[in-house]
Amino acid sequence: MKKKIVDKKTEEKPVLELSETEKSHTPKKMPVAKKITRKKDTTKPRRGRKYTVQSGKVDKNKLYSLGDAIKLVKEVNYTKFDSTVEMHVRVTSTKKKKEEELHARGTVRLPSGSPKTRKVAIASDELVETVKRGKIDFDILLATPEMMPKLAVVAKILGPKGKMPSPKAGTVTNDPEKTKAELSGGLIEYRTDAHGIIHLAVGKVSWDNEKLRANIETIIGVLPKKNIASITLASSMSPGVKVTLS
């Protein structure tokens, strides 16, 4: 008599049914609680206690006269070192089209001198090779018109850093040695950033008020007054003080 061969793989297994009592005692799977991660708010900068205290002395809705603004900037300064007094000027275009925003750029000589010591270099064949190797040890680069075609090979390196010589900035000149001496004597370059704001260092907190005022008024004088939207003074890490345009 032949034996019936049962394939274990295809053989149907009996289904065991639980009674109502067994079902009630069967433990149920508890839902796993999701871990809530809170994102840090990086939009608002964290301010220290000293900044908060000094900020309370400045009326953010008030426009101060230049003389009062200089005095207040010195008063709210809380650093132990001799802070730099900075000037921030927002310029806007009078043209209607957004793509035709104002880009102000040029040079101005500060009568009281510049608070920052900048290293000025003059373009040469040796300097081009140095820049190719990624070494840039200067703040301002001067070049003659004849040297500009040679600088084209490093324009992608110097351009994004804002160190490419430009006729508008006065850094392309026939007499670079003379311009270098002028830059050492208080001639500075100004330019708007991507948001249409000019950032300039105009002096030190320890400077006399009149020296600071002379530098600030000189800068305002070279900018188109109709395009100036706002002026703010501040020292290193201190709250800003808005200045009236009148």
C-alpha atoms as a PDB file:
ATOM      1  CA  MET A   1       0.000   0.000   0.000  1.00  0.00           C
ATOM      2  CA  LYS A   2       1.455   3.308  -1.033  1.00  0.00           C
ATOM      3  CA  LYS A   3       2.115   5.991   1.625  1.00  0.00           C
ATOM      4  CA  LYS A   4       0.701   9.421   1.062  1.00  0.00           C
ATOM      5  CA  ILE A   5       3.540  11.947   0.777  1.00  0.00           C
ATOM      6  CA  VAL A   6       2.677  15.280   2.370  1.00  0.00           C
ATOM      7  CA  ASP A   7       4.614  18.363   1.378  1.00  0.00           C
ATOM      8  CA  LYS A   8       5.419  20.154   4.615  1.00  0.00           C
ATOM      9  CA  LYS A   9       5.791  23.473   2.780  1.00  0.00           C
ATOM     10  CA  THR A  10       2.325  23.342   1.259  1.00  0.00           C
ATOM     11  CA  GLU A  11       0.606  21.585   4.143  1.00  0.00           C
ATOM     12  CA  GLU A  12      -1.937  23.848   5.752  1.00  0.00           C
ATOM     13  CA  LYS A  13      -1.331  24.385   9.442  1.00  0.00           C
ATOM     14  CA  PRO A  14      -4.332  24.313  11.736  1.00  0.00           C
ATOM     15  CA  VAL A  15      -5.512  27.691  12.942  1.00  0.00           C
ATOM     16  CA  LEU A  16      -5.910  27.866  16.675  1.00  0.00           C
ATOM     17  CA  GLU A  17      -8.796  29.996  17.818  1.00  0.00           C
ATOM     18  CA  LEU A  18      -8.583  31.744  21.196  1.00  0.00           C
ATOM     19  CA  SER A  19     -11.492  31.769  23.560  1.00  0.00           C
ATOM     20  CA  GLU A  20     -12.996  35.033  24.780  1.00  0.00           C
ATOM     21  CA  THR A  21     -11.257  34.605  28.144  1.00  0.00           C
ATOM     22  CA  GLU A  22      -7.863  34.058  26.509  1.00  0.00           C
ATOM     23  CA  LYS A  23      -8.378  37.085  24.240  1.00  0.00           C
ATOM     24  CA  SER A  24      -9.050  39.349  27.195  1.00  0.00           C
ATOM     25  CA  HIS A  25      -5.814  38.260  28.873  1.00  0.00           C
ATOM     26  CA  THR A  26      -3.668  38.662  25.779  1.00  0.00           C
ATOM     27  CA  PRO A  27      -1.346  41.702  26.204  1.00  0.00           C
ATOM     28  CA  LYS A  28      -1.844  44.429  23.633  1.00  0.00           C
ATOM     29  CA  LYS A  29       1.045  46.244  21.955  1.00  0.00           C
ATOM     30  CA  MET A  30       1.453  49.747  23.339  1.00  0.00           C
ATOM     31  CA  PRO A  31       2.009  52.528  20.789  1.00  0.00           C
ATOM     32  CA  VAL A  32       5.565  53.871  20.779  1.00  0.00           C
ATOM     33  CA  ALA A  33       5.681  57.562  21.685  1.00  0.00           C
ATOM     34  CA  LYS A  34       7.395  59.698  19.080  1.00  0.00           C
ATOM     35  CA  LYS A  35      10.331  61.724  20.280  1.00  0.00           C
ATOM     36  CA  ILE A  36       9.626  65.426  19.866  1.00  0.00           C
ATOM     37  CA  THR A  37      12.672  67.461  18.871  1.00  0.00           C
ATOM     38  CA  ARG A  38      12.396  71.202  19.173  1.00  0.00           C
ATOM     39  CA  LYS A  39      14.308  73.247  16.669  1.00  0.00           C
ATOM     40  CA  LYS A  40      16.404  76.070  18.011  1.00  0.00           C
ATOM     41  CA  ASP A  41      15.389  79.525  16.904  1.00  0.00           C
ATOM     42  CA  THR A  42      18.448  80.796  15.038  1.00  0.00           C
ATOM     43  CA  THR A  43      16.714  83.850  13.594  1.00  0.00           C
ATOM     44  CA  LYS A  44      17.151  85.923  16.739  1.00  0.00           C
ATOM     45  CA  PRO A  45      20.737  86.475  17.897  1.00  0.00           C
ATOM     46  CA  ARG A  46      21.436  85.731  21.531  1.00  0.00           C
ATOM     47  CA  ARG A  47      22.450  88.830  23.465  1.00  0.00           C
ATOM     48  CA  GLY A  48      24.434  88.964  26.665  1.00  0.00           C
ATOM     49  CA  ARG A  49      23.439  90.722  29.874  1.00  0.00           C
ATOM     50  CA  LYS A  50      25.758  93.678  29.273  1.00  0.00           C
ATOM     51  CA  TYR A  51      24.359  94.269  25.801  1.00  0.00           C
ATOM     52  CA  THR A  52      20.786  94.091  27.090  1.00  0.00           C
ATOM     53  CA  VAL A  53      21.509  96.645  29.822  1.00  0.00           C
ATOM     54  CA  GLN A  54      23.193  99.082  27.439  1.00  0.00           C
ATOM     55  CA  SER A  55      20.527  98.582  24.781  1.00  0.00           C
ATOM     56  CA  GLY A  56      17.935  99.933  27.206  1.00  0.00           C
ATOM     57  CA  LYS A  57      19.664 103.324  27.071  1.00  0.00           C
ATOM     58  CA  VAL A  58      18.972 103.686  23.338  1.00  0.00           C
ATOM     59  CA  ASP A  59      15.562 104.707  22.037  1.00  0.00           C
ATOM     60  CA  LYS A  60      15.127 102.512  18.944  1.00  0.00           C
ATOM     61  CA  ASN A  61      12.332 104.717  17.584  1.00  0.00           C
ATOM     62  CA  LYS A  62      14.321 107.945  17.848  1.00  0.00           C
ATOM     63  CA  LEU A  63      16.618 109.580  15.309  1.00  0.00           C
ATOM     64  CA  TYR A  64      19.522 111.254  17.095  1.00  0.00           C
ATOM     65  CA  SER A  65      21.526 114.211  15.867  1.00  0.00           C
ATOM     66  CA  LEU A  66      25.065 113.304  14.796  1.00  0.00           C
ATOM     67  CA  GLY A  67      26.612 114.924  17.867  1.00  0.00           C
ATOM     68  CA  ASP A  68      24.235 113.163  20.273  1.00  0.00           C
ATOM     69  CA  ALA A  69      24.656 109.852  18.440  1.00  0.00           C
ATOM     70  CA  ILE A  70      28.457 109.957  18.813  1.00  0.00           C
ATOM     71  CA  LYS A  71      28.141 110.689  22.549  1.00  0.00           C
ATOM     72  CA  LEU A  72      25.599 107.906  23.029  1.00  0.00           C
ATOM     73  CA  VAL A  73      27.702 105.344  21.141  1.00  0.00           C
ATOM     74  CA  LYS A  74      30.562 106.047  23.540  1.00  0.00           C
ATOM     75  CA  GLU A  75      28.232 105.852  26.537  1.00  0.00           C
ATOM     76  CA  VAL A  76      26.754 102.446  25.662  1.00  0.00           C
ATOM     77  CA  ASN A  77      30.119 100.929  24.736  1.00  0.00           C
ATOM     78  CA  TYR A  78      31.009  98.246  27.295  1.00  0.00           C
ATOM     79  CA  THR A  79      34.149  96.550  25.896  1.00  0.00           C
ATOM     80  CA  LYS A  80      37.406  96.685  27.833  1.00  0.00           C
ATOM     81  CA  PHE A  81      39.423  97.279  24.650  1.00  0.00           C
ATOM     82  CA  ASP A  82      39.381 100.382  22.465  1.00  0.00           C
ATOM     83  CA  SER A  83      36.378  99.569  20.272  1.00  0.00           C
ATOM     84  CA  THR A  84      36.056 100.613  16.648  1.00  0.00           C
ATOM     85  CA  VAL A  85      33.248 103.037  15.816  1.00  0.00           C
ATOM     86  CA  GLU A  86      31.356 101.730  12.804  1.00  0.00           C
ATOM     87  CA  MET A  87      29.024 103.479  10.394  1.00  0.00           C
ATOM     88  CA  HIS A  88      26.318 101.611   8.509  1.00  0.00           C
ATOM     89  CA  VAL A  89      24.573 103.444   5.669  1.00  0.00           C
ATOM     90  CA  ARG A  90      21.664 101.894   3.783  1.00  0.00           C
ATOM     91  CA  VAL A  91      21.225 103.278   0.288  1.00  0.00           C
ATOM     92  CA  THR A  92      18.248 102.681  -1.983  1.00  0.00           C
ATOM     93  CA  SER A  93      17.654 103.262  -5.661  1.00  0.00           C
ATOM     94  CA  THR A  94      15.172 105.826  -6.944  1.00  0.00           C
ATOM     95  CA  LYS A  95      14.482 103.601  -9.954  1.00  0.00           C
ATOM     96  CA  LYS A  96      11.319 101.486  -9.998  1.00  0.00           C
ATOM     97  CA  LYS A  97      12.777  98.221 -11.274  1.00  0.00           C
ATOM     98  CA  LYS A  98      14.139  95.935  -8.565  1.00  0.00           C
ATOM     99  CA  GLU A  99      17.005  94.694 -10.727  1.00  0.00           C
ATOM    100  CA  GLU A 100      18.257  98.273 -11.028  1.00  0.00           C
ATOM    101  CA  GLU A 101      19.214  98.582  -7.364  1.00  0.00           C
ATOM    102  CA  LEU A 102      21.824 101.155  -6.430  1.00  0.00           C
ATOM    103  CA  HIS A 103      25.391  99.903  -6.138  1.00  0.00           C
ATOM    104  CA  ALA A 104      27.493 102.668  -4.617  1.00  0.00           C
ATOM    105  CA  ARG A 105      31.243 102.239  -4.774  1.00  0.00           C
ATOM    106  CA  GLY A 106      34.212 104.561  -4.627  1.00  0.00           C
ATOM    107  CA  THR A 107      36.980 105.981  -2.459  1.00  0.00           C
ATOM    108  CA  VAL A 108      37.022 108.779   0.093  1.00  0.00           C
ATOM    109  CA  ARG A 109      39.798 110.322   2.154  1.00  0.00           C
ATOM    110  CA  LEU A 110      39.010 110.492   5.860  1.00  0.00           C
ATOM    111  CA  PRO A 111      40.339 113.778   7.337  1.00  0.00           C
ATOM    112  CA  SER A 112      40.957 112.174  10.736  1.00  0.00           C
ATOM    113  CA  GLY A 113      42.549 109.057   9.250  1.00  0.00           C
ATOM    114  CA  SER A 114      41.397 105.446   9.222  1.00  0.00           C
ATOM    115  CA  PRO A 115      41.219 103.433  12.458  1.00  0.00           C
ATOM    116  CA  LYS A 116      42.307 100.268  10.671  1.00  0.00           C
ATOM    117  CA  THR A 117      45.756  99.497   9.315  1.00  0.00           C
ATOM    118  CA  ARG A 118      45.415  97.806   5.942  1.00  0.00           C
ATOM    119  CA  LYS A 119      48.068  96.033   3.930  1.00  0.00           C
ATOM    120  CA  VAL A 120      48.254  97.406   0.381  1.00  0.00           C
ATOM    121  CA  ALA A 121      49.933  95.452  -2.430  1.00  0.00           C
ATOM    122  CA  ILE A 122      50.775  96.339  -6.023  1.00  0.00           C
ATOM    123  CA  ALA A 123      50.039  93.756  -8.727  1.00  0.00           C
ATOM    124  CA  SER A 124      53.005  92.077 -10.388  1.00  0.00           C
ATOM    125  CA  ASP A 125      53.781  88.837 -12.213  1.00  0.00           C
ATOM    126  CA  GLU A 126      55.144  87.336  -8.979  1.00  0.00           C
ATOM    127  CA  LEU A 127      52.004  88.313  -7.061  1.00  0.00           C
ATOM    128  CA  VAL A 128      49.770  86.660  -9.690  1.00  0.00           C
ATOM    129  CA  GLU A 129      51.639  83.382  -9.219  1.00  0.00           C
ATOM    130  CA  THR A 130      51.318  83.703  -5.449  1.00  0.00           C
ATOM    131  CA  VAL A 131      47.536  84.215  -5.716  1.00  0.00           C
ATOM    132  CA  LYS A 132      47.283  81.158  -7.994  1.00  0.00           C
ATOM    133  CA  ARG A 133      48.728  79.094  -5.132  1.00  0.00           C
ATOM    134  CA  GLY A 134      45.968  80.413  -2.879  1.00  0.00           C
ATOM    135  CA  LYS A 135      48.071  82.812  -0.834  1.00  0.00           C
ATOM    136  CA  ILE A 136      46.524  86.266  -0.361  1.00  0.00           C
ATOM    137  CA  ASP A 137      48.306  88.369   2.260  1.00  0.00           C
ATOM    138  CA  PHE A 138      46.938  91.814   1.418  1.00  0.00           C
ATOM    139  CA  ASP A 139      43.775  93.811   2.094  1.00  0.00           C
ATOM    140  CA  ILE A 140      43.850  96.042  -1.018  1.00  0.00           C
ATOM    141  CA  LEU A 141      45.397  95.327  -4.399  1.00  0.00           C
ATOM    142  CA  LEU A 142      46.458  98.091  -6.760  1.00  0.00           C
ATOM    143  CA  ALA A 143      47.208  97.608 -10.446  1.00  0.00           C
ATOM    144  CA  THR A 144      48.131  99.597 -13.523  1.00  0.00           C
ATOM    145  CA  PRO A 145      45.828  99.395 -16.586  1.00  0.00           C
ATOM    146  CA  GLU A 146      48.520  97.352 -18.369  1.00  0.00           C
ATOM    147  CA  MET A 147      48.527  94.786 -15.550  1.00  0.00           C
ATOM    148  CA  MET A 148      44.779  94.154 -15.578  1.00  0.00           C
ATOM    149  CA  PRO A 149      44.774  91.544 -18.424  1.00  0.00           C
ATOM    150  CA  LYS A 150      47.305  89.471 -16.452  1.00  0.00           C
ATOM    151  CA  LEU A 151      45.038  89.576 -13.400  1.00  0.00           C
ATOM    152  CA  ALA A 152      42.177  88.065 -15.393  1.00  0.00           C
ATOM    153  CA  VAL A 153      43.484  84.557 -14.641  1.00  0.00           C
ATOM    154  CA  VAL A 154      42.980  85.099 -10.890  1.00  0.00           C
ATOM    155  CA  ALA A 155      39.788  87.173 -11.134  1.00  0.00           C
ATOM    156  CA  LYS A 156      37.677  84.252  -9.874  1.00  0.00           C
ATOM    157  CA  ILE A 157      39.862  84.121  -6.754  1.00  0.00           C
ATOM    158  CA  LEU A 158      40.086  87.850  -6.030  1.00  0.00           C
ATOM    159  CA  GLY A 159      36.563  88.811  -7.146  1.00  0.00           C
ATOM    160  CA  PRO A 160      34.527  86.965  -4.473  1.00  0.00           C
ATOM    161  CA  LYS A 161      36.866  88.342  -1.787  1.00  0.00           C
ATOM    162  CA  GLY A 162      36.356  91.919  -3.013  1.00  0.00           C
ATOM    163  CA  LYS A 163      40.052  92.339  -3.763  1.00  0.00           C
ATOM    164  CA  MET A 164      40.007  92.604  -7.547  1.00  0.00           C
ATOM    165  CA  PRO A 165      41.265  96.037  -8.668  1.00  0.00           C
ATOM    166  CA  SER A 166      38.595  98.254 -10.189  1.00  0.00           C
ATOM    167  CA  PRO A 167      38.655 101.697 -11.844  1.00  0.00           C
ATOM    168  CA  LYS A 168      35.466 102.639  -9.937  1.00  0.00           C
ATOM    169  CA  ALA A 169      37.176 101.925  -6.633  1.00  0.00           C
ATOM    170  CA  GLY A 170      40.287 103.848  -7.667  1.00  0.00           C
ATOM    171  CA  THR A 171      42.491 100.770  -7.337  1.00  0.00           C
ATOM    172  CA  VAL A 172      43.406 100.778 -11.040  1.00  0.00           C
ATOM    173  CA  THR A 173      45.841 103.652 -11.421  1.00  0.00           C
ATOM    174  CA  ASN A 174      48.793 104.798 -13.489  1.00  0.00           C
ATOM    175  CA  ASP A 175      50.704 105.654 -10.318  1.00  0.00           C
ATOM    176  CA  PRO A 176      50.140 102.793  -7.841  1.00  0.00           C
ATOM    177  CA  GLU A 177      52.947 103.940  -5.541  1.00  0.00           C
ATOM    178  CA  LYS A 178      51.242 107.306  -5.022  1.00  0.00           C
ATOM    179  CA  THR A 179      47.870 105.654  -4.446  1.00  0.00           C
ATOM    180  CA  LYS A 180      49.464 103.286  -1.935  1.00  0.00           C
ATOM    181  CA  ALA A 181      50.769 106.255   0.045  1.00  0.00           C
ATOM    182  CA  GLU A 182      47.319 107.876  -0.070  1.00  0.00           C
ATOM    183  CA  LEU A 183      45.636 104.713   1.212  1.00  0.00           C
ATOM    184  CA  SER A 184      48.053 104.648   4.101  1.00  0.00           C
ATOM    185  CA  GLY A 185      47.121 108.261   4.854  1.00  0.00           C
ATOM    186  CA  GLY A 186      43.350 107.795   5.273  1.00  0.00           C
ATOM    187  CA  LEU A 187      42.000 107.030   1.791  1.00  0.00           C
ATOM    188  CA  ILE A 188      39.415 104.234   2.092  1.00  0.00           C
ATOM    189  CA  GLU A 189      37.170 102.323  -0.270  1.00  0.00           C
ATOM    190  CA  TYR A 190      33.422 102.057   0.281  1.00  0.00           C
ATOM    191  CA  ARG A 191      30.931  99.760  -1.419  1.00  0.00           C
ATOM    192  CA  THR A 192      27.432  98.421  -0.846  1.00  0.00           C
ATOM    193  CA  ASP A 193      26.941  94.800   0.145  1.00  0.00           C
ATOM    194  CA  ALA A 194      24.256  92.455  -1.226  1.00  0.00           C
ATOM    195  CA  HIS A 195      21.622  94.228   0.896  1.00  0.00           C
ATOM    196  CA  GLY A 196      22.537  97.759  -0.214  1.00  0.00           C
ATOM    197  CA  ILE A 197      24.371  98.677   3.000  1.00  0.00           C
ATOM    198  CA  ILE A 198      27.767 100.354   3.286  1.00  0.00           C
ATOM    199  CA  HIS A 199      29.797  99.300   6.335  1.00  0.00           C
ATOM    200  CA  LEU A 200      32.727 101.527   7.307  1.00  0.00           C
ATOM    201  CA  ALA A 201      35.023 101.933  10.292  1.00  0.00           C
ATOM    202  CA  VAL A 202      35.189 105.667  11.062  1.00  0.00           C
ATOM    203  CA  GLY A 203      37.323 105.779  14.204  1.00  0.00           C
ATOM    204  CA  LYS A 204      37.876 104.532  17.738  1.00  0.00           C
ATOM    205  CA  VAL A 205      35.862 105.107  20.918  1.00  0.00           C
ATOM    206  CA  SER A 206      38.912 106.814  22.424  1.00  0.00           C
ATOM    207  CA  TRP A 207      39.009 109.392  19.617  1.00  0.00           C
ATOM    208  CA  ASP A 208      37.853 112.943  20.155  1.00  0.00           C
ATOM    209  CA  ASN A 209      34.219 113.546  19.167  1.00  0.00           C
ATOM    210  CA  GLU A 210      35.214 116.122  16.552  1.00  0.00           C
ATOM    211  CA  LYS A 211      37.581 113.678  14.838  1.00  0.00           C
ATOM    212  CA  LEU A 212      34.783 111.125  14.551  1.00  0.00           C
ATOM    213  CA  ARG A 213      32.339 113.753  13.354  1.00  0.00           C
ATOM    214  CA  ALA A 214      34.732 114.938  10.620  1.00  0.00           C
ATOM    215  CA  ASN A 215      35.101 111.420   9.210  1.00  0.00           C
ATOM    216  CA  ILE A 216      31.360 110.726   9.304  1.00  0.00           C
ATOM    217  CA  GLU A 217      30.387 114.007   7.650  1.00  0.00           C
ATOM    218  CA  THR A 218      32.988 113.443   4.917  1.00  0.00           C
ATOM    219  CA  ILE A 219      31.512 110.033   4.077  1.00  0.00           C
ATOM    220  CA  ILE A 220      27.967 111.399   4.011  1.00  0.00           C
ATOM    221  CA  GLY A 221      29.157 114.186   1.712  1.00  0.00           C
ATOM    222  CA  VAL A 222      30.351 111.817  -1.038  1.00  0.00           C
ATOM    223  CA  LEU A 223      27.149 109.746  -1.069  1.00  0.00           C
ATOM    224  CA  PRO A 224      24.036 110.794  -3.015  1.00  0.00           C
ATOM    225  CA  LYS A 225      21.847 112.247  -0.248  1.00  0.00           C
ATOM    226  CA  LYS A 226      18.572 111.362  -2.017  1.00  0.00           C
ATOM    227  CA  ASN A 227      19.562 107.683  -1.955  1.00  0.00           C
ATOM    228  CA  ILE A 228      20.461 107.500   1.757  1.00  0.00           C
ATOM    229  CA  ALA A 229      17.673 105.610   3.539  1.00  0.00           C
ATOM    230  CA  SER A 230      19.229 105.321   6.992  1.00  0.00           C
ATOM    231  CA  ILE A 231      22.439 105.869   8.966  1.00  0.00           C
ATOM    232  CA  THR A 232      23.376 103.900  12.075  1.00  0.00           C
ATOM    233  CA  LEU A 233      26.394 104.277  14.352  1.00  0.00           C
ATOM    234  CA  ALA A 234      27.702 101.582  16.673  1.00  0.00           C
ATOM    235  CA  SER A 235      30.865 100.450  18.381  1.00  0.00           C
ATOM    236  CA  SER A 236      32.152  96.880  18.530  1.00  0.00           C
ATOM    237  CA  MET A 237      29.429  94.624  20.017  1.00  0.00           C
ATOM    238  CA  SER A 238      27.308  97.598  21.155  1.00  0.00           C
ATOM    239  CA  PRO A 239      23.699  98.498  20.198  1.00  0.00           C
ATOM    240  CA  GLY A 240      23.186 100.722  17.165  1.00  0.00           C
ATOM    241  CA  VAL A 241      22.140 104.369  17.321  1.00  0.00           C
ATOM    242  CA  LYS A 242      20.085 105.786  14.445  1.00  0.00           C
ATOM    243  CA  VAL A 243      21.174 109.162  13.050  1.00  0.00           C
ATOM    244  CA  THR A 244      18.877 111.766  11.546  1.00  0.00           C
ATOM    245  CA  LEU A 245      19.525 112.602   7.895  1.00  0.00           C
ATOM    246  CA  SER A 246      18.738 116.320   8.285  1.00  0.00           C
END
